[in-house]
Amino acid sequence: MQHLHNHLYISEQIQPGDLPALRAQGITQIICHRPDGEGTLQPAFADIAAAAAAEGIRTLHLPVKGGLFPPEVIEATRKALASGETTLMFCKSGMRSTLAWALGEAAAGTPVDELVARAAVCGYDLEPHRAMLVAAAGKSL
């Protein structure tokens, strides 16, 4: 789990058994950007949501497929993050979640260079997605 920004953490795929430890670390909201059925060892989101509910953690499933980031996913991600809750976002590796965050932040006016640098500190290279981020910066949510 990497601390990306303020109350936001990013990670690779989590398991239902991880939820008690995540709650103990202060996570109160989880956003999943991974579609169900993407990998054979991947738990269903419903199983993660059930384990999260048992810990009092709010969940949101906003799957991203094929490298496409629909505007409604970016908007829903930003809206959920605006709650100020300590949030863990995850997907298979954390990259899609990082990019979903960065696209929303770019659209809200955060400089692209700053977003690329923040992601790099967490081990996520957004440089190949710079054009997408610059395009998002020209749009408003």
Foldseek 3Di string as FASTA:
>chain_A
DADQDQLEAEFAADDLVCQVVVVVVQAQEEEEQAQPPPDPPHDHVVSNCVSNVVSNHHYHYNHDPDPDDDPVSLVVVVVVVVVVGNYYYYYRGRQVVLVSPLLNVLLVPDDNVVSQVSVVVVPHHCVVVSVVSPVSNVHHD
